Full PDB file with SEQRES, HELIX, SHEET, SSBOND, CRYST1, ORIGX, SCALE, CONECT and MASTER records, all heavy atoms in Angstrom:
SEQRES   1 A   42  LYS THR LEU VAL ASP SER ASN GLN PRO ALA GLY ARG PHE          
SEQRES   2 A   42  LYS THR VAL TRP ASP GLY THR ASP ALA ASN ASN VAL PRO          
SEQRES   3 A   42  VAL ALA ALA GLY VAL TYR PHE TYR GLU MET GLN ALA GLY          
SEQRES   4 A   42  ASP PHE VAL                                                  
CRYST1    1.000    1.000    1.000  90.00  90.00  90.00 P 1           1          
ORIGX1      1.000000  0.000000  0.000000        0.00000                         
ORIGX2      0.000000  1.000000  0.000000        0.00000                         
ORIGX3      0.000000  0.000000  1.000000        0.00000                         
SCALE1      1.000000  0.000000  0.000000        0.00000                         
SCALE2      0.000000  1.000000  0.000000        0.00000                         
SCALE3      0.000000  0.000000  1.000000        0.00000                         
ATOM      1  N   LYS A   1       0.873  -2.313   5.727  1.00  0.00           N  
ATOM      2  CA  LYS A   1      -0.291  -1.432   5.620  1.00  0.00           C  
ATOM      3  C   LYS A   1      -1.286  -1.991   4.615  1.00  0.00           C  
ATOM      4  O   LYS A   1      -0.899  -2.586   3.617  1.00  0.00           O  
ATOM      5  CB  LYS A   1       0.143  -0.026   5.178  1.00  0.00           C  
ATOM      6  CG  LYS A   1      -0.938   1.030   5.298  1.00  0.00           C  
ATOM      7  CD  LYS A   1      -0.339   2.427   5.109  1.00  0.00           C  
ATOM      8  CE  LYS A   1      -1.268   3.474   5.657  1.00  0.00           C  
ATOM      9  NZ  LYS A   1      -0.637   4.806   5.654  1.00  0.00           N  
ATOM     10  N   THR A   2      -2.568  -1.799   4.888  1.00  0.00           N  
ATOM     11  CA  THR A   2      -3.620  -2.118   3.922  1.00  0.00           C  
ATOM     12  C   THR A   2      -4.018  -0.823   3.235  1.00  0.00           C  
ATOM     13  O   THR A   2      -4.433   0.136   3.894  1.00  0.00           O  
ATOM     14  CB  THR A   2      -4.827  -2.750   4.631  1.00  0.00           C  
ATOM     15  OG1 THR A   2      -4.398  -3.960   5.273  1.00  0.00           O  
ATOM     16  CG2 THR A   2      -5.935  -3.081   3.638  1.00  0.00           C  
ATOM     17  N   LEU A   3      -3.876  -0.788   1.910  1.00  0.00           N  
ATOM     18  CA  LEU A   3      -4.210   0.416   1.147  1.00  0.00           C  
ATOM     19  C   LEU A   3      -5.659   0.430   0.724  1.00  0.00           C  
ATOM     20  O   LEU A   3      -6.297   1.484   0.701  1.00  0.00           O  
ATOM     21  CB  LEU A   3      -3.323   0.527  -0.095  1.00  0.00           C  
ATOM     22  CG  LEU A   3      -1.818   0.634   0.141  1.00  0.00           C  
ATOM     23  CD1 LEU A   3      -1.107   0.764  -1.197  1.00  0.00           C  
ATOM     24  CD2 LEU A   3      -1.472   1.802   1.050  1.00  0.00           C  
ATOM     25  N   VAL A   4      -6.176  -0.711   0.325  1.00  0.00           N  
ATOM     26  CA  VAL A   4      -7.558  -0.809  -0.159  1.00  0.00           C  
ATOM     27  C   VAL A   4      -8.159  -2.077   0.445  1.00  0.00           C  
ATOM     28  O   VAL A   4      -7.528  -3.118   0.437  1.00  0.00           O  
ATOM     29  CB  VAL A   4      -7.617  -0.906  -1.701  1.00  0.00           C  
ATOM     30  CG1 VAL A   4      -9.047  -1.049  -2.180  1.00  0.00           C  
ATOM     31  CG2 VAL A   4      -6.952   0.307  -2.347  1.00  0.00           C  
ATOM     32  N   ASP A   5      -9.359  -1.957   0.978  1.00  0.00           N  
ATOM     33  CA  ASP A   5     -10.086  -3.125   1.498  1.00  0.00           C  
ATOM     34  C   ASP A   5     -11.568  -2.793   1.441  1.00  0.00           C  
ATOM     35  O   ASP A   5     -12.152  -2.380   2.431  1.00  0.00           O  
ATOM     36  CB  ASP A   5      -9.638  -3.464   2.914  1.00  0.00           C  
ATOM     37  CG  ASP A   5     -10.236  -4.788   3.406  1.00  0.00           C  
ATOM     38  OD1 ASP A   5     -10.894  -5.473   2.598  1.00  0.00           O  
ATOM     39  OD2 ASP A   5     -10.031  -5.121   4.586  1.00  0.00           O  
ATOM     40  N   SER A   6     -12.149  -2.902   0.249  1.00  0.00           N  
ATOM     41  CA  SER A   6     -13.535  -2.478   0.077  1.00  0.00           C  
ATOM     42  C   SER A   6     -14.141  -3.115  -1.166  1.00  0.00           C  
ATOM     43  O   SER A   6     -13.421  -3.594  -2.041  1.00  0.00           O  
ATOM     44  CB  SER A   6     -13.616  -0.949  -0.039  1.00  0.00           C  
ATOM     45  OG  SER A   6     -12.920  -0.512  -1.178  1.00  0.00           O  
ATOM     46  N   ASN A   7     -15.455  -3.087  -1.215  1.00  0.00           N  
ATOM     47  CA  ASN A   7     -16.151  -3.498  -2.428  1.00  0.00           C  
ATOM     48  C   ASN A   7     -16.100  -2.355  -3.417  1.00  0.00           C  
ATOM     49  O   ASN A   7     -16.371  -1.205  -3.075  1.00  0.00           O  
ATOM     50  CB  ASN A   7     -17.609  -3.857  -2.110  1.00  0.00           C  
ATOM     51  CG  ASN A   7     -17.724  -5.221  -1.491  1.00  0.00           C  
ATOM     52  OD1 ASN A   7     -17.464  -6.228  -2.135  1.00  0.00           O  
ATOM     53  ND2 ASN A   7     -18.087  -5.270  -0.218  1.00  0.00           N  
ATOM     54  N   GLN A   8     -15.726  -2.679  -4.671  1.00  0.00           N  
ATOM     55  CA  GLN A   8     -15.615  -1.648  -5.693  1.00  0.00           C  
ATOM     56  C   GLN A   8     -16.295  -2.118  -6.974  1.00  0.00           C  
ATOM     57  O   GLN A   8     -16.363  -3.309  -7.231  1.00  0.00           O  
ATOM     58  CB  GLN A   8     -14.134  -1.342  -5.959  1.00  0.00           C  
ATOM     59  CG  GLN A   8     -13.455  -0.749  -4.742  1.00  0.00           C  
ATOM     60  CD  GLN A   8     -12.024  -0.347  -5.017  1.00  0.00           C  
ATOM     61  OE1 GLN A   8     -11.359  -0.916  -5.866  1.00  0.00           O  
ATOM     62  NE2 GLN A   8     -11.554   0.636  -4.283  1.00  0.00           N  
ATOM     63  N   PRO A   9     -16.785  -1.164  -7.751  1.00  0.00           N  
ATOM     64  CA  PRO A   9     -17.384  -1.521  -9.037  1.00  0.00           C  
ATOM     65  C   PRO A   9     -16.313  -1.917 -10.040  1.00  0.00           C  
ATOM     66  O   PRO A   9     -15.119  -1.672  -9.808  1.00  0.00           O  
ATOM     67  CB  PRO A   9     -18.087  -0.218  -9.477  1.00  0.00           C  
ATOM     68  CG  PRO A   9     -17.285   0.861  -8.826  1.00  0.00           C  
ATOM     69  CD  PRO A   9     -16.823   0.289  -7.503  1.00  0.00           C  
ATOM     70  N   ALA A  10     -16.712  -2.535 -11.141  1.00  0.00           N  
ATOM     71  CA  ALA A  10     -15.759  -2.813 -12.219  1.00  0.00           C  
ATOM     72  C   ALA A  10     -15.181  -1.511 -12.732  1.00  0.00           C  
ATOM     73  O   ALA A  10     -15.841  -0.472 -12.732  1.00  0.00           O  
ATOM     74  CB  ALA A  10     -16.464  -3.573 -13.341  1.00  0.00           C  
ATOM     75  N   GLY A  11     -13.932  -1.564 -13.175  1.00  0.00           N  
ATOM     76  CA  GLY A  11     -13.302  -0.372 -13.736  1.00  0.00           C  
ATOM     77  C   GLY A  11     -11.818  -0.345 -13.426  1.00  0.00           C  
ATOM     78  O   GLY A  11     -11.230  -1.327 -12.991  1.00  0.00           O  
ATOM     79  N   ARG A  12     -11.227   0.820 -13.695  1.00  0.00           N  
ATOM     80  CA  ARG A  12      -9.809   1.018 -13.426  1.00  0.00           C  
ATOM     81  C   ARG A  12      -9.663   2.008 -12.287  1.00  0.00           C  
ATOM     82  O   ARG A  12     -10.387   3.009 -12.217  1.00  0.00           O  
ATOM     83  CB  ARG A  12      -9.070   1.521 -14.682  1.00  0.00           C  
ATOM     84  CG  ARG A  12      -9.012   0.458 -15.764  1.00  0.00           C  
ATOM     85  CD  ARG A  12      -8.211   0.942 -16.951  1.00  0.00           C  
ATOM     86  NE  ARG A  12      -6.838   1.292 -16.544  1.00  0.00           N  
ATOM     87  CZ  ARG A  12      -6.002   1.973 -17.314  1.00  0.00           C  
ATOM     88  NH1 ARG A  12      -6.365   2.396 -18.515  1.00  0.00           N  
ATOM     89  NH2 ARG A  12      -4.786   2.259 -16.889  1.00  0.00           N  
ATOM     90  N   PHE A  13      -8.723   1.733 -11.401  1.00  0.00           N  
ATOM     91  CA  PHE A  13      -8.557   2.520 -10.183  1.00  0.00           C  
ATOM     92  C   PHE A  13      -7.087   2.791  -9.924  1.00  0.00           C  
ATOM     93  O   PHE A  13      -6.211   2.162 -10.500  1.00  0.00           O  
ATOM     94  CB  PHE A  13      -9.128   1.758  -8.972  1.00  0.00           C  
ATOM     95  CG  PHE A  13     -10.563   1.398  -9.123  1.00  0.00           C  
ATOM     96  CD1 PHE A  13     -10.927   0.208  -9.736  1.00  0.00           C  
ATOM     97  CD2 PHE A  13     -11.574   2.251  -8.681  1.00  0.00           C  
ATOM     98  CE1 PHE A  13     -12.256  -0.145  -9.887  1.00  0.00           C  
ATOM     99  CE2 PHE A  13     -12.905   1.901  -8.832  1.00  0.00           C  
ATOM    100  CZ  PHE A  13     -13.249   0.714  -9.440  1.00  0.00           C  
ATOM    101  N   LYS A  14      -6.835   3.723  -9.012  1.00  0.00           N  
ATOM    102  CA  LYS A  14      -5.478   3.930  -8.534  1.00  0.00           C  
ATOM    103  C   LYS A  14      -5.515   4.272  -7.056  1.00  0.00           C  
ATOM    104  O   LYS A  14      -6.496   4.836  -6.561  1.00  0.00           O  
ATOM    105  CB  LYS A  14      -4.759   5.010  -9.339  1.00  0.00           C  
ATOM    106  CG  LYS A  14      -5.401   6.378  -9.295  1.00  0.00           C  
ATOM    107  CD  LYS A  14      -4.641   7.329 -10.209  1.00  0.00           C  
ATOM    108  CE  LYS A  14      -5.302   8.705 -10.245  1.00  0.00           C  
ATOM    109  NZ  LYS A  14      -4.591   9.617 -11.165  1.00  0.00           N  
ATOM    110  N   THR A  15      -4.457   3.886  -6.375  1.00  0.00           N  
ATOM    111  CA  THR A  15      -4.291   4.201  -4.966  1.00  0.00           C  
ATOM    112  C   THR A  15      -2.832   4.614  -4.749  1.00  0.00           C  
ATOM    113  O   THR A  15      -1.976   4.319  -5.586  1.00  0.00           O  
ATOM    114  CB  THR A  15      -4.704   3.013  -4.071  1.00  0.00           C  
ATOM    115  OG1 THR A  15      -4.687   3.424  -2.702  1.00  0.00           O  
ATOM    116  CG2 THR A  15      -3.776   1.822  -4.253  1.00  0.00           C  
ATOM    117  N   VAL A  16      -2.580   5.318  -3.658  1.00  0.00           N  
ATOM    118  CA  VAL A  16      -1.250   5.850  -3.396  1.00  0.00           C  
ATOM    119  C   VAL A  16      -0.738   5.309  -2.067  1.00  0.00           C  
ATOM    120  O   VAL A  16      -1.474   5.240  -1.083  1.00  0.00           O  
ATOM    121  CB  VAL A  16      -1.281   7.399  -3.354  1.00  0.00           C  
ATOM    122  CG1 VAL A  16       0.069   7.968  -2.910  1.00  0.00           C  
ATOM    123  CG2 VAL A  16      -1.679   7.958  -4.713  1.00  0.00           C  
ATOM    124  N   TRP A  17       0.543   4.890  -2.062  1.00  0.00           N  
ATOM    125  CA  TRP A  17       1.194   4.553  -0.800  1.00  0.00           C  
ATOM    126  C   TRP A  17       2.236   5.625  -0.493  1.00  0.00           C  
ATOM    127  O   TRP A  17       3.072   5.950  -1.338  1.00  0.00           O  
ATOM    128  CB  TRP A  17       1.874   3.178  -0.862  1.00  0.00           C  
ATOM    129  CG  TRP A  17       2.472   2.783   0.470  1.00  0.00           C  
ATOM    130  CD1 TRP A  17       1.926   2.987   1.692  1.00  0.00           C  
ATOM    131  CD2 TRP A  17       3.720   2.141   0.688  1.00  0.00           C  
ATOM    132  NE1 TRP A  17       2.769   2.505   2.666  1.00  0.00           N  
ATOM    133  CE2 TRP A  17       3.875   1.973   2.085  1.00  0.00           C  
ATOM    134  CE3 TRP A  17       4.726   1.686  -0.150  1.00  0.00           C  
ATOM    135  CZ2 TRP A  17       4.999   1.373   2.658  1.00  0.00           C  
ATOM    136  CZ3 TRP A  17       5.845   1.078   0.412  1.00  0.00           C  
ATOM    137  CH2 TRP A  17       5.967   0.924   1.795  1.00  0.00           C  
ATOM    138  N   ASP A  18       2.163   6.155   0.714  1.00  0.00           N  
ATOM    139  CA  ASP A  18       3.037   7.258   1.124  1.00  0.00           C  
ATOM    140  C   ASP A  18       4.243   6.788   1.927  1.00  0.00           C  
ATOM    141  O   ASP A  18       4.914   7.595   2.575  1.00  0.00           O  
ATOM    142  CB  ASP A  18       2.255   8.295   1.914  1.00  0.00           C  
ATOM    143  CG  ASP A  18       1.628   7.717   3.180  1.00  0.00           C  
ATOM    144  OD1 ASP A  18       1.850   6.519   3.472  1.00  0.00           O  
ATOM    145  OD2 ASP A  18       0.924   8.465   3.874  1.00  0.00           O  
ATOM    146  N   GLY A  19       4.541   5.484   1.915  1.00  0.00           N  
ATOM    147  CA  GLY A  19       5.708   4.983   2.604  1.00  0.00           C  
ATOM    148  C   GLY A  19       5.566   4.902   4.112  1.00  0.00           C  
ATOM    149  O   GLY A  19       6.565   4.901   4.830  1.00  0.00           O  
ATOM    150  N   THR A  20       4.311   4.850   4.593  1.00  0.00           N  
ATOM    151  CA  THR A  20       4.080   4.728   6.028  1.00  0.00           C  
ATOM    152  C   THR A  20       3.422   3.394   6.348  1.00  0.00           C  
ATOM    153  O   THR A  20       2.836   2.757   5.473  1.00  0.00           O  
ATOM    154  CB  THR A  20       3.179   5.854   6.575  1.00  0.00           C  
ATOM    155  OG1 THR A  20       1.892   5.757   5.973  1.00  0.00           O  
ATOM    156  CG2 THR A  20       3.784   7.220   6.313  1.00  0.00           C  
ATOM    157  N   ASP A  21       3.507   2.999   7.617  1.00  0.00           N  
ATOM    158  CA  ASP A  21       2.868   1.757   8.061  1.00  0.00           C  
ATOM    159  C   ASP A  21       1.438   2.031   8.516  1.00  0.00           C  
ATOM    160  O   ASP A  21       0.907   3.130   8.341  1.00  0.00           O  
ATOM    161  CB  ASP A  21       3.711   1.069   9.127  1.00  0.00           C  
ATOM    162  CG  ASP A  21       3.788   1.859  10.437  1.00  0.00           C  
ATOM    163  OD1 ASP A  21       2.998   2.807  10.655  1.00  0.00           O  
ATOM    164  OD2 ASP A  21       4.654   1.507  11.259  1.00  0.00           O  
ATOM    165  N   ALA A  22       0.825   1.034   9.127  1.00  0.00           N  
ATOM    166  CA  ALA A  22      -0.577   1.146   9.538  1.00  0.00           C  
ATOM    167  C   ALA A  22      -0.787   2.230  10.585  1.00  0.00           C  
ATOM    168  O   ALA A  22      -1.897   2.737  10.756  1.00  0.00           O  
ATOM    169  CB  ALA A  22      -1.069  -0.207  10.051  1.00  0.00           C  
ATOM    170  N   ASN A  23       0.286   2.605  11.295  1.00  0.00           N  
ATOM    171  CA  ASN A  23       0.194   3.671  12.293  1.00  0.00           C  
ATOM    172  C   ASN A  23       0.660   5.020  11.727  1.00  0.00           C  
ATOM    173  O   ASN A  23       0.884   5.964  12.486  1.00  0.00           O  
ATOM    174  CB  ASN A  23       1.051   3.309  13.522  1.00  0.00           C  
ATOM    175  CG  ASN A  23       0.530   2.058  14.206  1.00  0.00           C  
ATOM    176  OD1 ASN A  23      -0.652   1.891  14.413  1.00  0.00           O  
ATOM    177  ND2 ASN A  23       1.443   1.149  14.518  1.00  0.00           N  
ATOM    178  N   ASN A  24       0.806   5.078  10.395  1.00  0.00           N  
ATOM    179  CA  ASN A  24       1.254   6.277   9.694  1.00  0.00           C  
ATOM    180  C   ASN A  24       2.661   6.702  10.090  1.00  0.00           C  
ATOM    181  O   ASN A  24       3.008   7.889  10.024  1.00  0.00           O  
ATOM    182  CB  ASN A  24       0.253   7.423   9.873  1.00  0.00           C  
ATOM    183  CG  ASN A  24      -1.053   7.113   9.179  1.00  0.00           C  
ATOM    184  OD1 ASN A  24      -1.066   6.606   8.050  1.00  0.00           O  
ATOM    185  ND2 ASN A  24      -2.149   7.372   9.841  1.00  0.00           N  
ATOM    186  N   VAL A  25       3.491   5.725  10.498  1.00  0.00           N  
ATOM    187  CA  VAL A  25       4.891   5.968  10.804  1.00  0.00           C  
ATOM    188  C   VAL A  25       5.699   5.636   9.555  1.00  0.00           C  
ATOM    189  O   VAL A  25       5.516   4.561   8.967  1.00  0.00           O  
ATOM    190  CB  VAL A  25       5.365   5.094  11.992  1.00  0.00           C  
ATOM    191  CG1 VAL A  25       6.850   5.276  12.239  1.00  0.00           C  
ATOM    192  CG2 VAL A  25       4.547   5.432  13.246  1.00  0.00           C  
ATOM    193  N   PRO A  26       6.608   6.516   9.115  1.00  0.00           N  
ATOM    194  CA  PRO A  26       7.420   6.212   7.930  1.00  0.00           C  
ATOM    195  C   PRO A  26       8.236   4.925   8.130  1.00  0.00           C  
ATOM    196  O   PRO A  26       8.837   4.737   9.189  1.00  0.00           O  
ATOM    197  CB  PRO A  26       8.339   7.426   7.798  1.00  0.00           C  
ATOM    198  CG  PRO A  26       7.589   8.532   8.471  1.00  0.00           C  
ATOM    199  CD  PRO A  26       6.861   7.883   9.618  1.00  0.00           C  
ATOM    200  N   VAL A  27       8.241   4.078   7.127  1.00  0.00           N  
ATOM    201  CA  VAL A  27       9.007   2.838   7.190  1.00  0.00           C  
ATOM    202  C   VAL A  27      10.409   3.073   6.637  1.00  0.00           C  
ATOM    203  O   VAL A  27      10.660   4.075   5.969  1.00  0.00           O  
ATOM    204  CB  VAL A  27       8.303   1.684   6.433  1.00  0.00           C  
ATOM    205  CG1 VAL A  27       6.939   1.379   7.055  1.00  0.00           C  
ATOM    206  CG2 VAL A  27       8.143   2.028   4.951  1.00  0.00           C  
ATOM    207  N   ALA A  28      11.314   2.140   6.929  1.00  0.00           N  
ATOM    208  CA  ALA A  28      12.702   2.255   6.473  1.00  0.00           C  
ATOM    209  C   ALA A  28      12.766   2.099   4.951  1.00  0.00           C  
ATOM    210  O   ALA A  28      11.918   1.468   4.331  1.00  0.00           O  
ATOM    211  CB  ALA A  28      13.536   1.184   7.138  1.00  0.00           C  
ATOM    212  N   ALA A  29      13.819   2.672   4.385  1.00  0.00           N  
ATOM    213  CA  ALA A  29      14.084   2.464   2.961  1.00  0.00           C  
ATOM    214  C   ALA A  29      14.312   0.973   2.717  1.00  0.00           C  
ATOM    215  O   ALA A  29      14.768   0.254   3.594  1.00  0.00           O  
ATOM    216  CB  ALA A  29      15.321   3.265   2.547  1.00  0.00           C  
ATOM    217  N   GLY A  30      13.967   0.528   1.514  1.00  0.00           N  
ATOM    218  CA  GLY A  30      14.211  -0.866   1.189  1.00  0.00           C  
ATOM    219  C   GLY A  30      13.193  -1.410   0.208  1.00  0.00           C  
ATOM    220  O   GLY A  30      12.433  -0.656  -0.394  1.00  0.00           O  
ATOM    221  N   VAL A  31      13.197  -2.729   0.080  1.00  0.00           N  
ATOM    222  CA  VAL A  31      12.321  -3.413  -0.859  1.00  0.00           C  
ATOM    223  C   VAL A  31      11.049  -3.839  -0.119  1.00  0.00           C  
ATOM    224  O   VAL A  31      11.109  -4.421   0.969  1.00  0.00           O  
ATOM    225  CB  VAL A  31      13.013  -4.642  -1.459  1.00  0.00           C  
ATOM    226  CG1 VAL A  31      12.053  -5.428  -2.354  1.00  0.00           C  
ATOM    227  CG2 VAL A  31      14.265  -4.220  -2.241  1.00  0.00           C  
ATOM    228  N   TYR A  32       9.911  -3.555  -0.719  1.00  0.00           N  
ATOM    229  CA  TYR A  32       8.604  -3.953  -0.194  1.00  0.00           C  
ATOM    230  C   TYR A  32       7.823  -4.605  -1.319  1.00  0.00           C  
ATOM    231  O   TYR A  32       8.200  -4.537  -2.481  1.00  0.00           O  
ATOM    232  CB  TYR A  32       7.850  -2.732   0.351  1.00  0.00           C  
ATOM    233  CG  TYR A  32       8.522  -2.156   1.581  1.00  0.00           C  
ATOM    234  CD1 TYR A  32       9.528  -1.210   1.459  1.00  0.00           C  
ATOM    235  CD2 TYR A  32       8.155  -2.575   2.857  1.00  0.00           C  
ATOM    236  CE1 TYR A  32      10.178  -0.708   2.579  1.00  0.00           C  
ATOM    237  CE2 TYR A  32       8.801  -2.086   3.981  1.00  0.00           C  
ATOM    238  CZ  TYR A  32       9.794  -1.147   3.836  1.00  0.00           C  
ATOM    239  OH  TYR A  32      10.435  -0.655   4.934  1.00  0.00           O  
ATOM    240  N   PHE A  33       6.736  -5.243  -0.951  1.00  0.00           N  
ATOM    241  CA  PHE A  33       5.869  -5.880  -1.930  1.00  0.00           C  
ATOM    242  C   PHE A  33       4.450  -5.377  -1.753  1.00  0.00           C  
ATOM    243  O   PHE A  33       4.051  -5.043  -0.625  1.00  0.00           O  
ATOM    244  CB  PHE A  33       5.890  -7.396  -1.766  1.00  0.00           C  
ATOM    245  CG  PHE A  33       7.261  -7.990  -1.997  1.00  0.00           C  
ATOM    246  CD1 PHE A  33       8.151  -8.142  -0.960  1.00  0.00           C  
ATOM    247  CD2 PHE A  33       7.641  -8.359  -3.288  1.00  0.00           C  
ATOM    248  CE1 PHE A  33       9.426  -8.667  -1.189  1.00  0.00           C  
ATOM    249  CE2 PHE A  33       8.909  -8.886  -3.504  1.00  0.00           C  
ATOM    250  CZ  PHE A  33       9.798  -9.041  -2.461  1.00  0.00           C  
ATOM    251  N   TYR A  34       3.694  -5.316  -2.842  1.00  0.00           N  
ATOM    252  CA  TYR A  34       2.267  -5.014  -2.720  1.00  0.00           C  
ATOM    253  C   TYR A  34       1.493  -6.134  -3.410  1.00  0.00           C  
ATOM    254  O   TYR A  34       1.897  -6.640  -4.451  1.00  0.00           O  
ATOM    255  CB  TYR A  34       1.921  -3.635  -3.274  1.00  0.00           C  
ATOM    256  CG  TYR A  34       2.263  -3.361  -4.736  1.00  0.00           C  
ATOM    257  CD1 TYR A  34       1.257  -3.357  -5.700  1.00  0.00           C  
ATOM    258  CD2 TYR A  34       3.560  -3.079  -5.124  1.00  0.00           C  
ATOM    259  CE1 TYR A  34       1.566  -3.077  -7.024  1.00  0.00           C  
ATOM    260  CE2 TYR A  34       3.868  -2.798  -6.437  1.00  0.00           C  
ATOM    261  CZ  TYR A  34       2.860  -2.796  -7.391  1.00  0.00           C  
ATOM    262  OH  TYR A  34       3.160  -2.528  -8.707  1.00  0.00           O  
ATOM    263  N   GLU A  35       0.415  -6.519  -2.737  1.00  0.00           N  
ATOM    264  CA  GLU A  35      -0.387  -7.654  -3.186  1.00  0.00           C  
ATOM    265  C   GLU A  35      -1.817  -7.218  -3.392  1.00  0.00           C  
ATOM    266  O   GLU A  35      -2.397  -6.523  -2.560  1.00  0.00           O  
ATOM    267  CB  GLU A  35      -0.353  -8.766  -2.145  1.00  0.00           C  
ATOM    268  CG  GLU A  35      -1.198  -9.975  -2.538  1.00  0.00           C  
ATOM    269  CD  GLU A  35      -1.224 -11.022  -1.432  1.00  0.00           C  
ATOM    270  OE1 GLU A  35      -1.779 -10.724  -0.353  1.00  0.00           O  
ATOM    271  OE2 GLU A  35      -0.689 -12.113  -1.648  1.00  0.00           O  
ATOM    272  N   MET A  36      -2.382  -7.632  -4.525  1.00  0.00           N  
ATOM    273  CA  MET A  36      -3.789  -7.384  -4.806  1.00  0.00           C  
ATOM    274  C   MET A  36      -4.531  -8.716  -4.785  1.00  0.00           C  
ATOM    275  O   MET A  36      -4.096  -9.690  -5.391  1.00  0.00           O  
ATOM    276  CB  MET A  36      -3.943  -6.749  -6.182  1.00  0.00           C  
ATOM    277  CG  MET A  36      -5.373  -6.605  -6.647  1.00  0.00           C  
ATOM    278  SD  MET A  36      -5.434  -5.755  -8.240  1.00  0.00           S  
ATOM    279  CE  MET A  36      -7.062  -6.252  -8.825  1.00  0.00           C  
ATOM    280  N   GLN A  37      -5.636  -8.727  -4.048  1.00  0.00           N  
ATOM    281  CA  GLN A  37      -6.545  -9.878  -4.028  1.00  0.00           C  
ATOM    282  C   GLN A  37      -7.919  -9.390  -4.434  1.00  0.00           C  
ATOM    283  O   GLN A  37      -8.432  -8.431  -3.847  1.00  0.00           O  
ATOM    284  CB  GLN A  37      -6.615 -10.489  -2.624  1.00  0.00           C  
ATOM    285  CG  GLN A  37      -5.300 -10.977  -2.083  1.00  0.00           C  
ATOM    286  CD  GLN A  37      -5.402 -11.462  -0.646  1.00  0.00           C  
ATOM    287  OE1 GLN A  37      -6.439 -11.347  -0.020  1.00  0.00           O  
ATOM    288  NE2 GLN A  37      -4.314 -11.967  -0.115  1.00  0.00           N  
ATOM    289  N   ALA A  38      -8.507 -10.040  -5.440  1.00  0.00           N  
ATOM    290  CA  ALA A  38      -9.854  -9.690  -5.885  1.00  0.00           C  
ATOM    291  C   ALA A  38     -10.432 -10.926  -6.572  1.00  0.00           C  
ATOM    292  O   ALA A  38      -9.860 -11.422  -7.531  1.00  0.00           O  
ATOM    293  CB  ALA A  38      -9.812  -8.524  -6.865  1.00  0.00           C  
ATOM    294  N   GLY A  39     -11.531 -11.424  -6.042  1.00  0.00           N  
ATOM    295  CA  GLY A  39     -12.074 -12.670  -6.598  1.00  0.00           C  
ATOM    296  C   GLY A  39     -11.026 -13.756  -6.464  1.00  0.00           C  
ATOM    297  O   GLY A  39     -10.422 -13.942  -5.408  1.00  0.00           O  
ATOM    298  N   ASP A  40     -10.765 -14.470  -7.569  1.00  0.00           N  
ATOM    299  CA  ASP A  40      -9.749 -15.508  -7.566  1.00  0.00           C  
ATOM    300  C   ASP A  40      -8.381 -14.969  -7.971  1.00  0.00           C  
ATOM    301  O   ASP A  40      -7.418 -15.710  -8.083  1.00  0.00           O  
ATOM    302  CB  ASP A  40     -10.141 -16.646  -8.538  1.00  0.00           C  
ATOM    303  CG  ASP A  40     -11.381 -17.378  -8.065  1.00  0.00           C  
ATOM    304  OD1 ASP A  40     -11.607 -17.430  -6.836  1.00  0.00           O  
ATOM    305  OD2 ASP A  40     -12.114 -17.880  -8.925  1.00  0.00           O  
ATOM    306  N   PHE A  41      -8.314 -13.663  -8.219  1.00  0.00           N  
ATOM    307  CA  PHE A  41      -7.085 -13.044  -8.710  1.00  0.00           C  
ATOM    308  C   PHE A  41      -6.190 -12.648  -7.546  1.00  0.00           C  
ATOM    309  O   PHE A  41      -6.627 -11.982  -6.601  1.00  0.00           O  
ATOM    310  CB  PHE A  41      -7.428 -11.795  -9.538  1.00  0.00           C  
ATOM    311  CG  PHE A  41      -6.223 -11.028 -10.039  1.00  0.00           C  
ATOM    312  CD1 PHE A  41      -5.619 -11.395 -11.223  1.00  0.00           C  
ATOM    313  CD2 PHE A  41      -5.751  -9.945  -9.335  1.00  0.00           C  
ATOM    314  CE1 PHE A  41      -4.518 -10.673 -11.703  1.00  0.00           C  
ATOM    315  CE2 PHE A  41      -4.660  -9.220  -9.803  1.00  0.00           C  
ATOM    316  CZ  PHE A  41      -4.042  -9.587 -10.985  1.00  0.00           C  
ATOM    317  N   VAL A  42      -4.927 -13.083  -7.601  1.00  0.00           N  
ATOM    318  CA  VAL A  42      -3.928 -12.644  -6.635  1.00  0.00           C  
ATOM    319  C   VAL A  42      -2.646 -12.320  -7.407  1.00  0.00           C  
ATOM    320  O   VAL A  42      -2.198 -13.133  -8.222  1.00  0.00           O  
ATOM    321  CB  VAL A  42      -3.618 -13.718  -5.575  1.00  0.00           C  
ATOM    322  CG1 VAL A  42      -2.521 -13.244  -4.629  1.00  0.00           C  
ATOM    323  CG2 VAL A  42      -4.868 -14.086  -4.800  1.00  0.00           C  
TER     324      VAL A  42                                                      
MASTER        0    0    0    0    0    0    0    6  323    1    0    4          
END                                                                             
């Protein structure tokens, strides 16, 4: 799932993941990863 994909101003933000996939179907329990890309930062 993509949680955030937009132009944003400088600052501090928060977003929530509800454990669903891109079709809003709950995913299985387990280990997942989240990745942030912004400018040259990954």
